[in-house]
C-alpha atoms as a PDB file:
ATOM      1  CA  MET A   1     155.726 -23.748  96.621  1.00  0.00           C
ATOM      2  CA  PHE A   2     158.894 -25.077  98.166  1.00  0.00           C
ATOM      3  CA  TYR A   3     161.250 -22.839 100.186  1.00  0.00           C
ATOM      4  CA  THR A   4     164.366 -23.452 102.200  1.00  0.00           C
ATOM      5  CA  ASP A   5     166.588 -21.077 104.044  1.00  0.00           C
ATOM      6  CA  THR A   6     170.033 -22.068 105.454  1.00  0.00           C
ATOM      7  CA  HIS A   7     172.964 -20.263 107.036  1.00  0.00           C
ATOM      8  CA  PRO A   8     176.188 -22.029 105.840  1.00  0.00           C
ATOM      9  CA  LYS A   9     179.712 -20.887 106.325  1.00  0.00           C
ATOM     10  CA  ALA A  10     181.216 -19.900 102.945  1.00  0.00           C
ATOM     11  CA  ARG A  11     183.927 -22.199 101.679  1.00  0.00           C
ATOM     12  CA  THR A  12     184.563 -19.983  98.662  1.00  0.00           C
ATOM     13  CA  GLU A  13     183.726 -16.392  97.831  1.00  0.00           C
ATOM     14  CA  HIS A  14     180.114 -15.536  96.951  1.00  0.00           C
ATOM     15  CA  ARG A  15     178.508 -12.276  95.908  1.00  0.00           C
ATOM     16  CA  CYS A  16     175.695 -10.953  98.149  1.00  0.00           C
ATOM     17  CA  ASP A  17     172.659 -10.491  95.946  1.00  0.00           C
ATOM     18  CA  LEU A  18     171.507  -7.464  97.889  1.00  0.00           C
ATOM     19  CA  CYS A  19     174.576  -5.279  98.422  1.00  0.00           C
ATOM     20  CA  ALA A  20     176.909  -6.937  95.817  1.00  0.00           C
ATOM     21  CA  ARG A  21     179.772  -7.294  98.390  1.00  0.00           C
ATOM     22  CA  MET A  22     181.921 -10.367  98.112  1.00  0.00           C
ATOM     23  CA  ILE A  23     181.137 -12.724 100.985  1.00  0.00           C
ATOM     24  CA  GLN A  24     184.520 -14.016 102.051  1.00  0.00           C
ATOM     25  CA  SER A  25     185.503 -17.522 102.793  1.00  0.00           C
ATOM     26  CA  GLY A  26     184.642 -18.324 106.460  1.00  0.00           C
ATOM     27  CA  GLU A  27     181.754 -15.835 106.698  1.00  0.00           C
ATOM     28  CA  THR A  28     178.303 -17.098 107.577  1.00  0.00           C
ATOM     29  CA  TYR A  29     175.658 -16.031 105.076  1.00  0.00           C
ATOM     30  CA  ARG A  30     172.020 -16.719 104.202  1.00  0.00           C
ATOM     31  CA  ARG A  31     171.310 -19.039 101.306  1.00  0.00           C
ATOM     32  CA  GLY A  32     167.783 -19.390 100.020  1.00  0.00           C
ATOM     33  CA  VAL A  33     166.188 -21.685  97.505  1.00  0.00           C
ATOM     34  CA  ALA A  34     162.633 -21.521  96.327  1.00  0.00           C
ATOM     35  CA  MET A  35     160.728 -23.555  93.750  1.00  0.00           C
ATOM     36  CA  ASP A  36     157.270 -22.827  92.300  1.00  0.00           C
ATOM     37  CA  GLY A  37     155.594 -24.505  89.357  1.00  0.00           C
ATOM     38  CA  GLY A  38     158.825 -25.752  87.831  1.00  0.00           C
ATOM     39  CA  THR A  39     160.735 -22.460  88.308  1.00  0.00           C
ATOM     40  CA  ALA A  40     163.576 -22.289  90.817  1.00  0.00           C
ATOM     41  CA  TRP A  41     165.329 -19.369  92.435  1.00  0.00           C
ATOM     42  CA  THR A  42     168.457 -19.190  94.562  1.00  0.00           C
ATOM     43  CA  TRP A  43     169.998 -16.240  96.403  1.00  0.00           C
ATOM     44  CA  ARG A  44     172.679 -15.367  98.843  1.00  0.00           C
ATOM     45  CA  GLU A  45     172.701 -12.535 101.365  1.00  0.00           C
ATOM     46  CA  CYS A  46     175.541 -11.469 103.690  1.00  0.00           C
ATOM     47  CA  ALA A  47     174.714 -11.416 107.418  1.00  0.00           C
ATOM     48  CA  HIS A  48     174.605  -7.596 107.260  1.00  0.00           C
ATOM     49  CA  CYS A  49     171.881  -7.520 104.576  1.00  0.00           C
ATOM     50  CA  GLU A  50     169.930 -10.221 106.377  1.00  0.00           C
ATOM     51  CA  VAL A  51     169.552  -7.882 109.360  1.00  0.00           C
ATOM     52  CA  LEU A  52     168.660  -4.986 107.051  1.00  0.00           C
ATOM     53  CA  LEU A  53     165.836  -7.089 105.518  1.00  0.00           C
ATOM     54  CA  GLN A  54     164.529  -8.086 108.919  1.00  0.00           C
ATOM     55  CA  TRP A  55     164.455  -4.347 109.764  1.00  0.00           C
ATOM     56  CA  LEU A  56     162.681  -3.358 106.535  1.00  0.00           C
ATOM     57  CA  MET A  57     160.092  -6.053 106.887  1.00  0.00           C
ATOM     58  CA  ARG A  58     159.475  -5.040 110.469  1.00  0.00           C
ATOM     59  CA  ILE A  59     158.849  -1.377 109.743  1.00  0.00           C
ATOM     60  CA  ASP A  60     156.682  -2.188 106.706  1.00  0.00           C
ATOM     61  CA  ALA A  61     154.962  -5.566 106.996  1.00  0.00           C
ATOM     62  CA  LEU A  62     154.133  -5.524 103.267  1.00  0.00           C
ATOM     63  CA  TRP A  63     157.641  -4.723 102.084  1.00  0.00           C
ATOM     64  CA  GLY A  64     158.683  -7.424  99.630  1.00  0.00           C
ATOM     65  CA  ALA A  65     155.761  -9.679 100.596  1.00  0.00           C
ATOM     66  CA  ASP A  66     154.109 -10.049  97.196  1.00  0.00           C
ATOM     67  CA  GLU A  67     156.776  -9.331  94.579  1.00  0.00           C
ATOM     68  CA  GLY A  68     159.884 -10.296  96.478  1.00  0.00           C
ATOM     69  CA  TYR A  69     162.794  -7.869  96.899  1.00  0.00           C
ATOM     70  CA  ASN A  70     166.137  -7.100  95.355  1.00  0.00           C
ATOM     71  CA  SER A  71     168.808  -4.381  95.534  1.00  0.00           C
ATOM     72  CA  ASP A  72     166.428  -1.985  93.778  1.00  0.00           C
ATOM     73  CA  SER A  73     163.945  -2.413  96.612  1.00  0.00           C
ATOM     74  CA  VAL A  74     166.534  -1.161  99.091  1.00  0.00           C
ATOM     75  CA  LEU A  75     167.705   1.589  96.728  1.00  0.00           C
ATOM     76  CA  GLU A  76     164.137   2.879  96.469  1.00  0.00           C
ATOM     77  CA  TRP A  77     163.588   2.746 100.254  1.00  0.00           C
ATOM     78  CA  GLU A  78     163.329   6.268 101.686  1.00  0.00           C
ATOM     79  CA  PRO A  79     164.577   6.360 105.291  1.00  0.00           C
ATOM     80  CA  ASP A  80     162.492   8.575 107.583  1.00  0.00           C
ATOM     81  CA  ASN A  81     164.969   9.140 110.402  1.00  0.00           C
ATOM     82  CA  LEU A  82     168.721   9.427 110.956  1.00  0.00           C
ATOM     83  CA  SER A  83     169.167   5.808 112.160  1.00  0.00           C
ATOM     84  CA  ASP A  84     167.517   4.445 109.006  1.00  0.00           C
ATOM     85  CA  LEU A  85     169.521   6.846 106.860  1.00  0.00           C
ATOM     86  CA  ARG A  86     172.753   5.622 108.471  1.00  0.00           C
ATOM     87  CA  LEU A  87     171.733   1.998 107.897  1.00  0.00           C
ATOM     88  CA  LYS A  88     171.082   2.711 104.187  1.00  0.00           C
ATOM     89  CA  ALA A  89     174.464   4.521 103.910  1.00  0.00           C
ATOM     90  CA  CYS A  90     176.202   1.407 105.366  1.00  0.00           C
ATOM     91  CA  TRP A  91     174.399  -0.764 102.806  1.00  0.00           C
ATOM     92  CA  ARG A  92     175.476   1.567  99.951  1.00  0.00           C
ATOM     93  CA  ARG A  93     179.054   1.305 101.153  1.00  0.00           C
ATOM     94  CA  GLN A  94     178.681  -2.529 101.069  1.00  0.00           C
ATOM     95  CA  TRP A  95     179.181  -2.626 104.852  1.00  0.00           C
ATOM     96  CA  THR A  96     182.816  -1.491 104.585  1.00  0.00           C
ATOM     97  CA  ARG A  97     184.587   1.356 106.300  1.00  0.00           C
ATOM     98  CA  ARG A  98     186.717   3.907 104.414  1.00  0.00           C
ATOM     99  CA  ASP A  99     189.808   1.903 105.128  1.00  0.00           C
ATOM    100  CA  GLY A 100     188.155  -1.111 103.435  1.00  0.00           C
ATOM    101  CA  SER A 101     187.595  -3.162 106.587  1.00  0.00           C
ATOM    102  CA  LEU A 102     184.281  -4.848 107.096  1.00  0.00           C
ATOM    103  CA  MET A 103     181.879  -3.288 109.615  1.00  0.00           C
ATOM    104  CA  PRO A 104     180.310  -5.574 112.189  1.00  0.00           C
ATOM    105  CA  ALA A 105     176.876  -6.726 111.229  1.00  0.00           C
ATOM    106  CA  PRO A 106     174.079  -4.626 112.747  1.00  0.00           C
ATOM    107  CA  ALA A 107     172.718  -6.083 115.960  1.00  0.00           C
ATOM    108  CA  LYS A 108     169.868  -8.472 115.474  1.00  0.00           C
ATOM    109  CA  THR A 109     167.940  -7.017 118.370  1.00  0.00           C
ATOM    110  CA  ILE A 110     165.599  -4.282 117.195  1.00  0.00           C
ATOM    111  CA  ARG A 111     164.472  -2.069 120.066  1.00  0.00           C
ATOM    112  CA  GLU A 112     161.108  -0.375 120.252  1.00  0.00           C
ATOM    113  CA  THR A 113     160.583   3.244 121.300  1.00  0.00           C
ATOM    114  CA  SER A 114     158.158   4.242 124.030  1.00  0.00           C
ATOM    115  CA  ASP A 115     155.442   4.686 121.392  1.00  0.00           C
ATOM    116  CA  GLY A 116     155.866   1.171 120.034  1.00  0.00           C
ATOM    117  CA  TRP A 117     157.816   1.986 116.882  1.00  0.00           C
ATOM    118  CA  PRO A 118     160.958   0.000 116.133  1.00  0.00           C
ATOM    119  CA  SER A 119     164.254   1.863 116.488  1.00  0.00           C
ATOM    120  CA  LEU A 120     167.776   1.124 115.349  1.00  0.00           C
ATOM    121  CA  ALA A 121     169.323   3.902 117.425  1.00  0.00           C
ATOM    122  CA  GLN A 122     172.805   2.855 118.508  1.00  0.00           C
ATOM    123  CA  VAL A 123     172.361  -0.549 116.934  1.00  0.00           C
ATOM    124  CA  VAL A 124     174.443  -0.196 113.754  1.00  0.00           C
ATOM    125  CA  ALA A 125     178.062  -0.575 114.694  1.00  0.00           C
ATOM    126  CA  SER A 126     180.359   2.194 113.408  1.00  0.00           C
END
C-alpha cells in the first residue's frame, strides 16, 4: 500500500470531498493519494474538514480506520455534546456564515477536560 498526504495551495478551485464546499484559489487544502493492488484513490479536503477529521479520529480511535470515511460518515456521526453539535452544524453549512463568508478553520489544538476527554469548547470560531 502506498499513501501520500500533501498540503498544497490551490491554484484553481477544487471541491472538498467531505463537505462539498469549493476550495478557492489560494486556500491551503489536504490532498491525499493512495494506491493498493493496482487501485488508486485521490481526495481533497479543505482545512476545516481536516481539523474535523482529526477531532473525530481522536474521540473514536476506530472511526474510519478500516473502511475509510466519506461525507456519509460525518452525516451519520451523532454528537454527544453542544460543542460537537456546533462543529457538525458548521460542517453542514460548508463552513460558511449566513452572509456567505468563510468561517475561520477550527483551531488545531484540541484541549482535554479534567477527566481526560477531548473538548472543543470555544475552539470553533464563530
